[in-house]
């Protein structure tokens, strides 16, 4: 279910629990007709987030990205050196992260990622309430796209010289 639908459409197409503070906001939490977990604002169309499950219940997040919702937009000037500092790893999870790690599949699966404490973009690292560090993997994507653009720009310059 896409953001921007009306409250009536959401109510007719799924099971939602509304939260309403008169004069302030109306929000919801529930399941869409396609069984996506959705939460967001009825009073602010397009401000919803969705969680859906891929195989084995791994959550996938979709965040609002409309420029009308953003302020302080600045380009990422260079990211190649940051990405070159990143140290990709493979690993298995210990049984330290709650019910998710109780899944036999998740415990046996080889995962790929980074150690948050070593990650060169500190803005993407945060400490959770349980004391463990977290890394916002989704926000790494722009830092991967920018180096590709930088390399293409360099390649174009080299082609122009020859």
N, C-alpha and C. Protein backbone atom coordinates (compact mmCIF):
# COMPACT_ATOMS: atom_id res chain seq x y z
N UNK A 1 0.85 -1.17 0.00
CA UNK A 1 0.00 0.00 0.00
C UNK A 1 0.89 1.23 0.00
N UNK A 2 0.73 2.09 -0.94
CA UNK A 2 1.58 3.26 -1.07
C UNK A 2 1.13 4.35 -0.11
N UNK A 3 2.11 5.17 0.31
CA UNK A 3 1.78 6.33 1.13
C UNK A 3 0.93 7.29 0.31
N UNK A 4 0.21 8.19 0.97
CA UNK A 4 -0.58 9.16 0.27
C UNK A 4 -2.03 8.73 0.06
N UNK A 5 -2.40 7.53 0.46
CA UNK A 5 -3.80 7.13 0.37
C UNK A 5 -4.56 7.78 1.51
N UNK A 6 -5.87 7.85 1.34
CA UNK A 6 -6.67 8.50 2.35
C UNK A 6 -6.95 7.56 3.51
N UNK A 7 -7.40 8.13 4.62
CA UNK A 7 -7.74 7.33 5.79
C UNK A 7 -8.84 6.33 5.45
N UNK A 8 -9.79 6.75 4.66
CA UNK A 8 -10.88 5.85 4.27
C UNK A 8 -10.35 4.67 3.47
N UNK A 9 -9.46 4.95 2.50
CA UNK A 9 -8.89 3.88 1.70
C UNK A 9 -8.10 2.90 2.58
N UNK A 10 -7.35 3.42 3.53
CA UNK A 10 -6.60 2.54 4.42
C UNK A 10 -7.53 1.69 5.27
N UNK A 11 -8.56 2.31 5.79
CA UNK A 11 -9.49 1.58 6.65
C UNK A 11 -10.22 0.48 5.87
N UNK A 12 -10.53 0.73 4.61
CA UNK A 12 -11.25 -0.25 3.80
C UNK A 12 -10.33 -1.35 3.30
N UNK A 13 -9.05 -1.08 3.21
CA UNK A 13 -8.13 -2.02 2.58
C UNK A 13 -7.19 -2.72 3.55
N UNK A 14 -7.52 -2.76 4.80
CA UNK A 14 -6.65 -3.42 5.75
C UNK A 14 -7.21 -3.30 7.15
N UNK A 15 -6.40 -3.68 8.10
CA UNK A 15 -6.79 -3.60 9.51
C UNK A 15 -5.83 -2.64 10.20
N UNK A 16 -6.34 -1.47 10.61
CA UNK A 16 -5.49 -0.44 11.18
C UNK A 16 -6.05 0.03 12.52
N UNK A 17 -5.14 0.36 13.41
CA UNK A 17 -5.51 0.96 14.68
C UNK A 17 -5.17 2.44 14.58
N UNK A 18 -6.17 3.32 14.69
CA UNK A 18 -5.88 4.75 14.61
C UNK A 18 -5.48 5.31 15.98
N UNK A 19 -4.61 6.30 15.95
CA UNK A 19 -4.24 7.07 17.14
C UNK A 19 -4.48 8.52 16.77
N UNK A 20 -5.37 9.19 17.50
CA UNK A 20 -5.76 10.54 17.12
C UNK A 20 -5.64 11.48 18.31
N UNK A 21 -4.92 12.57 18.10
CA UNK A 21 -4.86 13.65 19.09
C UNK A 21 -5.51 14.85 18.42
N UNK A 22 -6.76 15.17 18.80
CA UNK A 22 -7.49 16.25 18.12
C UNK A 22 -6.66 17.53 18.00
N UNK A 23 -6.65 18.05 16.79
CA UNK A 23 -5.94 19.29 16.52
C UNK A 23 -4.44 19.12 16.35
N UNK A 24 -3.91 17.90 16.58
CA UNK A 24 -2.47 17.71 16.49
C UNK A 24 -2.11 16.73 15.39
N UNK A 25 -2.53 15.49 15.51
CA UNK A 25 -2.13 14.49 14.53
C UNK A 25 -3.05 13.29 14.57
N UNK A 26 -3.10 12.58 13.47
CA UNK A 26 -3.79 11.30 13.40
C UNK A 26 -2.81 10.31 12.78
N UNK A 27 -2.52 9.25 13.49
CA UNK A 27 -1.58 8.25 13.03
C UNK A 27 -2.23 6.89 13.05
N UNK A 28 -1.57 5.92 12.44
CA UNK A 28 -2.13 4.57 12.41
C UNK A 28 -1.01 3.54 12.48
N UNK A 29 -1.42 2.33 12.80
CA UNK A 29 -0.55 1.18 12.84
C UNK A 29 -1.40 -0.01 12.44
N UNK A 30 -0.96 -0.83 11.50
CA UNK A 30 -1.78 -1.97 11.13
C UNK A 30 -1.27 -2.71 9.92
N UNK A 31 -2.13 -3.57 9.38
CA UNK A 31 -1.81 -4.40 8.22
C UNK A 31 -2.59 -3.94 7.01
N UNK A 32 -1.89 -3.82 5.87
CA UNK A 32 -2.57 -3.49 4.63
C UNK A 32 -3.24 -4.73 4.08
N UNK A 33 -4.01 -4.55 3.01
CA UNK A 33 -4.70 -5.68 2.39
C UNK A 33 -3.70 -6.71 1.85
N UNK A 34 -2.47 -6.27 1.52
CA UNK A 34 -1.45 -7.19 1.04
C UNK A 34 -0.57 -7.72 2.18
N UNK A 35 -1.03 -7.52 3.41
CA UNK A 35 -0.38 -8.04 4.61
C UNK A 35 0.95 -7.36 4.92
N UNK A 36 1.13 -6.11 4.46
CA UNK A 36 2.29 -5.32 4.83
C UNK A 36 2.00 -4.64 6.15
N UNK A 37 2.97 -4.64 7.05
CA UNK A 37 2.85 -3.89 8.28
C UNK A 37 3.10 -2.44 7.94
N UNK A 38 2.16 -1.56 8.25
CA UNK A 38 2.26 -0.14 7.90
C UNK A 38 2.08 0.70 9.14
N UNK A 39 2.80 1.80 9.22
CA UNK A 39 2.57 2.77 10.27
C UNK A 39 2.93 4.14 9.73
N UNK A 40 2.21 5.15 10.21
CA UNK A 40 2.46 6.49 9.72
C UNK A 40 1.35 7.44 10.08
N UNK A 41 1.22 8.49 9.29
CA UNK A 41 0.27 9.54 9.61
C UNK A 41 -0.84 9.67 8.60
N UNK A 42 -2.07 9.60 9.08
CA UNK A 42 -3.22 9.88 8.22
C UNK A 42 -3.32 11.37 7.97
N UNK A 43 -2.89 12.16 8.95
CA UNK A 43 -3.02 13.61 8.81
C UNK A 43 -1.92 14.20 7.93
N UNK A 44 -0.96 13.39 7.54
CA UNK A 44 0.13 13.86 6.70
C UNK A 44 0.36 12.83 5.59
N UNK A 45 -0.41 12.90 4.51
CA UNK A 45 -0.30 11.91 3.44
C UNK A 45 1.14 11.74 2.96
N UNK A 46 1.51 10.51 2.74
CA UNK A 46 2.86 10.22 2.27
C UNK A 46 3.86 10.01 3.40
N UNK A 47 3.41 10.18 4.64
CA UNK A 47 4.36 10.05 5.75
C UNK A 47 4.26 8.68 6.41
N UNK A 48 4.01 7.67 5.62
CA UNK A 48 3.91 6.34 6.20
C UNK A 48 5.16 5.53 5.92
N UNK A 49 5.39 4.54 6.73
CA UNK A 49 6.50 3.61 6.56
C UNK A 49 5.91 2.22 6.46
N UNK A 50 6.59 1.37 5.75
CA UNK A 50 6.11 0.01 5.62
C UNK A 50 7.18 -0.99 5.97
N UNK A 51 6.76 -2.09 6.52
CA UNK A 51 7.65 -3.20 6.79
C UNK A 51 7.01 -4.41 6.14
N UNK A 52 7.76 -5.11 5.33
CA UNK A 52 7.23 -6.34 4.80
C UNK A 52 8.32 -7.38 4.97
N UNK A 53 7.96 -8.61 4.84
CA UNK A 53 8.91 -9.67 5.13
C UNK A 53 9.31 -10.40 3.88
N UNK A 54 10.61 -10.55 3.72
CA UNK A 54 11.16 -11.39 2.69
C UNK A 54 11.22 -12.80 3.28
N UNK A 55 11.88 -13.69 2.60
CA UNK A 55 11.97 -15.06 3.12
C UNK A 55 12.60 -15.06 4.51
N UNK A 56 12.14 -15.92 5.33
CA UNK A 56 12.63 -16.12 6.69
C UNK A 56 12.40 -14.91 7.59
N UNK A 57 11.50 -14.03 7.24
CA UNK A 57 11.09 -12.96 8.15
C UNK A 57 12.07 -11.83 8.33
N UNK A 58 12.97 -11.59 7.40
CA UNK A 58 13.88 -10.48 7.52
C UNK A 58 13.13 -9.20 7.14
N UNK A 59 13.03 -8.22 8.04
CA UNK A 59 12.27 -7.01 7.70
C UNK A 59 12.98 -6.14 6.68
N UNK A 60 12.19 -5.54 5.80
CA UNK A 60 12.70 -4.62 4.80
C UNK A 60 11.97 -3.30 5.02
N UNK A 61 12.71 -2.21 5.13
CA UNK A 61 12.13 -0.90 5.44
C UNK A 61 12.08 -0.03 4.21
N UNK A 62 11.05 0.78 4.15
CA UNK A 62 10.96 1.79 3.11
C UNK A 62 10.68 3.10 3.82
N UNK A 63 11.50 4.10 3.58
CA UNK A 63 11.37 5.39 4.26
C UNK A 63 10.91 6.46 3.28
N UNK A 64 10.21 7.48 3.77
CA UNK A 64 9.81 8.59 2.89
C UNK A 64 11.04 9.26 2.29
N UNK A 65 10.97 9.63 1.02
CA UNK A 65 12.11 10.24 0.36
C UNK A 65 11.74 11.46 -0.47
N UNK A 66 10.54 11.95 -0.33
CA UNK A 66 10.09 13.12 -1.08
C UNK A 66 10.88 14.34 -0.63
N UNK A 67 11.45 15.12 -1.57
CA UNK A 67 12.23 16.30 -1.18
C UNK A 67 11.40 17.33 -0.39
N UNK A 68 10.09 17.30 -0.54
CA UNK A 68 9.25 18.24 0.21
C UNK A 68 9.29 17.94 1.71
N UNK A 69 9.74 16.76 2.09
CA UNK A 69 9.82 16.38 3.50
C UNK A 69 11.19 16.64 4.10
N UNK A 70 12.14 17.15 3.30
CA UNK A 70 13.52 17.28 3.74
C UNK A 70 13.93 18.74 3.86
N UNK A 71 14.93 18.98 4.69
CA UNK A 71 15.54 20.31 4.77
C UNK A 71 17.04 20.12 4.91
N UNK A 72 17.80 21.14 4.65
CA UNK A 72 19.26 21.06 4.76
C UNK A 72 19.86 20.08 3.77
N UNK A 73 19.29 19.98 2.59
CA UNK A 73 19.78 19.04 1.58
C UNK A 73 21.14 19.52 1.06
N UNK A 74 22.14 18.64 1.15
CA UNK A 74 23.49 18.94 0.67
C UNK A 74 24.00 17.73 -0.11
N UNK A 75 24.69 17.96 -1.21
CA UNK A 75 25.24 16.81 -1.95
C UNK A 75 26.39 16.17 -1.18
N UNK A 76 26.59 14.90 -1.40
CA UNK A 76 27.76 14.21 -0.87
C UNK A 76 28.85 14.45 -1.90
N UNK A 77 29.83 15.27 -1.52
CA UNK A 77 30.86 15.70 -2.48
C UNK A 77 31.77 14.56 -2.88
N UNK A 78 32.25 13.80 -1.93
CA UNK A 78 33.17 12.71 -2.22
C UNK A 78 32.95 11.61 -1.20
N UNK A 79 32.93 10.39 -1.65
CA UNK A 79 32.72 9.27 -0.73
C UNK A 79 33.65 8.12 -1.02
N UNK A 80 34.43 8.22 -2.07
CA UNK A 80 35.30 7.12 -2.45
C UNK A 80 36.27 6.77 -1.32
N UNK A 81 36.90 7.77 -0.71
CA UNK A 81 37.88 7.47 0.35
C UNK A 81 37.20 6.83 1.56
N UNK A 82 35.96 7.25 1.86
CA UNK A 82 35.24 6.64 2.98
C UNK A 82 34.93 5.17 2.72
N UNK A 83 34.47 4.88 1.52
CA UNK A 83 34.13 3.50 1.17
C UNK A 83 35.39 2.63 1.15
N UNK A 84 36.51 3.20 0.72
CA UNK A 84 37.75 2.43 0.71
C UNK A 84 38.22 2.09 2.13
N UNK A 85 37.80 2.89 3.11
CA UNK A 85 38.15 2.63 4.51
C UNK A 85 37.27 1.55 5.14
N UNK A 86 36.09 1.31 4.58
CA UNK A 86 35.16 0.33 5.15
C UNK A 86 35.77 -1.07 5.07
N UNK A 87 35.51 -1.87 6.08
CA UNK A 87 36.07 -3.22 6.15
C UNK A 87 34.93 -4.24 6.13
N UNK A 88 34.50 -4.67 4.94
CA UNK A 88 33.42 -5.66 4.86
C UNK A 88 33.85 -6.98 5.53
N UNK A 89 32.88 -7.63 6.18
CA UNK A 89 33.15 -8.90 6.86
C UNK A 89 32.02 -9.88 6.61
N UNK A 90 32.30 -11.15 6.86
CA UNK A 90 31.24 -12.15 6.95
C UNK A 90 31.25 -12.63 8.40
N UNK A 91 30.09 -13.09 8.88
CA UNK A 91 29.99 -13.46 10.30
C UNK A 91 28.74 -14.27 10.54
N UNK A 92 28.67 -14.86 11.72
CA UNK A 92 27.47 -15.52 12.22
C UNK A 92 27.08 -14.81 13.50
N UNK A 93 25.78 -14.69 13.76
CA UNK A 93 25.31 -14.07 14.99
C UNK A 93 25.38 -15.04 16.16
N UNK A 94 25.73 -14.50 17.32
CA UNK A 94 25.61 -15.24 18.57
C UNK A 94 24.14 -15.14 19.00
N UNK A 95 23.75 -15.83 20.04
CA UNK A 95 22.38 -15.71 20.56
C UNK A 95 22.30 -14.55 21.55
N UNK A 96 22.61 -13.37 21.07
CA UNK A 96 22.62 -12.20 21.94
C UNK A 96 21.59 -11.15 21.57
N UNK A 97 20.85 -11.35 20.50
CA UNK A 97 20.01 -10.25 20.00
C UNK A 97 18.53 -10.58 20.06
N UNK A 98 18.10 -11.24 21.09
CA UNK A 98 16.67 -11.47 21.29
C UNK A 98 16.12 -12.59 20.47
N UNK A 99 14.81 -12.56 20.26
CA UNK A 99 14.10 -13.64 19.58
C UNK A 99 14.56 -13.85 18.15
N UNK A 100 15.01 -12.78 17.50
CA UNK A 100 15.43 -12.91 16.10
C UNK A 100 16.54 -13.93 15.98
N UNK A 101 17.48 -13.93 16.93
CA UNK A 101 18.60 -14.88 16.83
C UNK A 101 18.20 -16.27 17.29
N UNK A 102 17.00 -16.45 17.81
CA UNK A 102 16.53 -17.78 18.16
C UNK A 102 16.15 -18.59 16.93
N UNK A 103 16.02 -17.93 15.79
CA UNK A 103 15.72 -18.62 14.54
C UNK A 103 16.91 -19.49 14.16
N UNK A 104 16.67 -20.77 13.96
CA UNK A 104 17.76 -21.68 13.57
C UNK A 104 18.38 -21.21 12.26
N UNK A 105 17.55 -20.75 11.33
CA UNK A 105 18.05 -20.26 10.05
C UNK A 105 19.01 -19.08 10.27
N UNK A 106 18.62 -18.09 11.09
CA UNK A 106 19.45 -16.91 11.31
C UNK A 106 20.75 -17.25 12.03
N UNK A 107 20.71 -18.22 12.96
CA UNK A 107 21.92 -18.61 13.68
C UNK A 107 22.92 -19.31 12.76
N UNK A 108 22.44 -20.13 11.84
CA UNK A 108 23.33 -20.90 10.97
C UNK A 108 23.77 -20.12 9.74
N UNK A 109 23.01 -19.12 9.38
CA UNK A 109 23.27 -18.35 8.16
C UNK A 109 24.55 -17.53 8.29
N UNK A 110 25.31 -17.47 7.21
CA UNK A 110 26.45 -16.57 7.14
C UNK A 110 25.91 -15.20 6.73
N UNK A 111 26.20 -14.18 7.52
CA UNK A 111 25.75 -12.81 7.25
C UNK A 111 26.93 -12.01 6.73
N UNK A 112 26.62 -10.90 6.08
CA UNK A 112 27.65 -10.03 5.52
C UNK A 112 27.36 -8.61 5.97
N UNK A 113 28.39 -7.87 6.31
CA UNK A 113 28.18 -6.50 6.75
C UNK A 113 29.47 -5.87 7.23
N UNK A 114 29.35 -5.12 8.32
CA UNK A 114 30.47 -4.36 8.88
C UNK A 114 30.39 -4.42 10.39
N UNK A 115 31.51 -4.20 11.06
CA UNK A 115 31.48 -3.95 12.50
C UNK A 115 31.21 -2.46 12.68
N UNK A 116 30.18 -2.14 13.40
CA UNK A 116 29.77 -0.74 13.55
C UNK A 116 30.89 0.12 14.13
N UNK A 117 31.64 -0.41 15.09
CA UNK A 117 32.68 0.40 15.72
C UNK A 117 33.81 0.76 14.76
N UNK A 118 33.97 0.00 13.68
CA UNK A 118 35.03 0.27 12.69
C UNK A 118 34.52 1.02 11.47
N UNK A 119 33.23 1.28 11.39
CA UNK A 119 32.68 1.85 10.15
C UNK A 119 33.09 3.32 10.02
N UNK A 120 33.60 3.75 8.86
CA UNK A 120 34.16 5.09 8.71
C UNK A 120 33.13 6.24 8.67
N UNK A 121 31.87 5.94 8.51
CA UNK A 121 30.85 7.00 8.46
C UNK A 121 30.11 6.96 9.80
N UNK A 122 30.61 7.68 10.77
CA UNK A 122 30.10 7.59 12.14
C UNK A 122 28.65 8.05 12.27
N UNK A 123 28.17 8.89 11.36
CA UNK A 123 26.77 9.34 11.40
C UNK A 123 25.80 8.16 11.26
N UNK A 124 26.25 7.06 10.70
CA UNK A 124 25.38 5.91 10.47
C UNK A 124 25.44 4.89 11.61
N UNK A 125 26.24 5.17 12.62
CA UNK A 125 26.38 4.27 13.78
C UNK A 125 25.66 4.89 14.96
N UNK A 126 24.91 4.05 15.68
CA UNK A 126 24.27 4.53 16.91
C UNK A 126 24.28 3.43 17.96
N UNK A 127 24.15 3.86 19.20
CA UNK A 127 24.11 2.89 20.29
C UNK A 127 22.67 2.65 20.68
N UNK A 128 22.27 1.40 20.70
CA UNK A 128 20.91 1.02 21.05
C UNK A 128 20.72 1.04 22.56
N UNK A 129 19.46 0.99 22.99
CA UNK A 129 19.16 1.00 24.42
C UNK A 129 19.80 -0.16 25.16
N UNK A 130 20.01 -1.28 24.46
CA UNK A 130 20.61 -2.45 25.10
C UNK A 130 22.14 -2.36 25.17
N UNK A 131 22.70 -1.24 24.71
CA UNK A 131 24.14 -1.03 24.77
C UNK A 131 24.89 -1.45 23.53
N UNK A 132 24.26 -2.22 22.65
CA UNK A 132 24.92 -2.67 21.43
C UNK A 132 24.91 -1.56 20.38
N UNK A 133 25.90 -1.58 19.51
CA UNK A 133 25.97 -0.62 18.41
C UNK A 133 25.13 -1.11 17.24
N UNK A 134 24.50 -0.18 16.56
CA UNK A 134 23.74 -0.48 15.36
C UNK A 134 24.29 0.31 14.19
N UNK A 135 24.06 -0.18 13.00
CA UNK A 135 24.52 0.48 11.78
C UNK A 135 23.35 0.60 10.82
N UNK A 136 23.11 1.79 10.31
CA UNK A 136 22.00 2.04 9.39
C UNK A 136 22.44 1.65 7.98
N UNK A 137 22.27 0.37 7.66
CA UNK A 137 22.75 -0.15 6.37
C UNK A 137 22.07 0.52 5.19
N UNK A 138 20.81 0.83 5.28
CA UNK A 138 20.10 1.44 4.16
C UNK A 138 20.74 2.77 3.76
N UNK A 139 21.22 3.53 4.74
CA UNK A 139 21.78 4.84 4.43
C UNK A 139 23.21 4.76 3.90
N UNK A 140 23.76 3.57 3.79
CA UNK A 140 25.07 3.41 3.16
C UNK A 140 24.96 3.56 1.65
N UNK A 141 23.79 3.30 1.09
CA UNK A 141 23.60 3.28 -0.36
C UNK A 141 24.09 4.56 -1.04
N UNK A 142 23.75 5.76 -0.57
CA UNK A 142 24.26 6.96 -1.25
C UNK A 142 25.79 7.03 -1.25
N UNK A 143 26.41 6.47 -0.21
CA UNK A 143 27.87 6.47 -0.14
C UNK A 143 28.49 5.43 -1.07
N UNK A 144 27.68 4.53 -1.59
CA UNK A 144 28.13 3.58 -2.61
C UNK A 144 27.90 4.14 -4.00
N UNK A 145 26.81 4.86 -4.18
CA UNK A 145 26.48 5.45 -5.48
C UNK A 145 27.48 6.55 -5.82
N UNK A 146 27.79 7.41 -4.84
CA UNK A 146 28.67 8.56 -5.12
C UNK A 146 30.05 8.13 -5.63
N UNK A 147 30.71 7.12 -5.05
CA UNK A 147 32.02 6.72 -5.60
C UNK A 147 31.93 6.20 -7.04
N UNK A 148 30.85 5.54 -7.37
CA UNK A 148 30.67 5.09 -8.75
C UNK A 148 30.60 6.31 -9.66
N UNK A 149 29.85 7.33 -9.24
CA UNK A 149 29.77 8.55 -10.02
C UNK A 149 31.14 9.22 -10.14
N UNK A 150 31.88 9.24 -9.03
CA UNK A 150 33.22 9.84 -9.04
C UNK A 150 34.14 9.12 -10.02
N UNK A 151 34.09 7.80 -10.01
CA UNK A 151 34.94 7.01 -10.91
C UNK A 151 34.55 7.22 -12.37
N UNK A 152 33.27 7.33 -12.65
CA UNK A 152 32.81 7.60 -14.02
C UNK A 152 33.26 8.99 -14.46
N UNK A 153 33.19 9.97 -13.55
CA UNK A 153 33.66 11.32 -13.88
C UNK A 153 35.16 11.29 -14.23
N UNK A 154 35.96 10.56 -13.44
CA UNK A 154 37.39 10.44 -13.72
C UNK A 154 37.64 9.73 -15.03
N UNK A 155 36.88 8.68 -15.30
CA UNK A 155 37.01 7.94 -16.55
C UNK A 155 36.69 8.84 -17.75
N UNK A 156 35.63 9.64 -17.60
CA UNK A 156 35.25 10.58 -18.68
C UNK A 156 36.36 11.61 -18.94
N UNK A 157 36.99 12.08 -17.87
CA UNK A 157 38.11 13.03 -18.02
C UNK A 157 39.28 12.38 -18.75
N UNK A 158 39.59 11.15 -18.40
CA UNK A 158 40.69 10.44 -19.06
C UNK A 158 40.37 10.20 -20.53
N UNK A 159 39.11 9.86 -20.83
CA UNK A 159 38.70 9.64 -22.23
C UNK A 159 38.82 10.95 -23.02
N UNK A 160 38.45 12.05 -22.40
CA UNK A 160 38.48 13.36 -23.07
C UNK A 160 39.93 13.77 -23.39
N UNK A 161 40.89 13.38 -22.56
CA UNK A 161 42.29 13.71 -22.78
C UNK A 161 42.91 12.92 -23.91
N UNK A 162 42.38 11.72 -24.17
CA UNK A 162 43.00 10.87 -25.19
C UNK A 162 42.42 11.09 -26.57
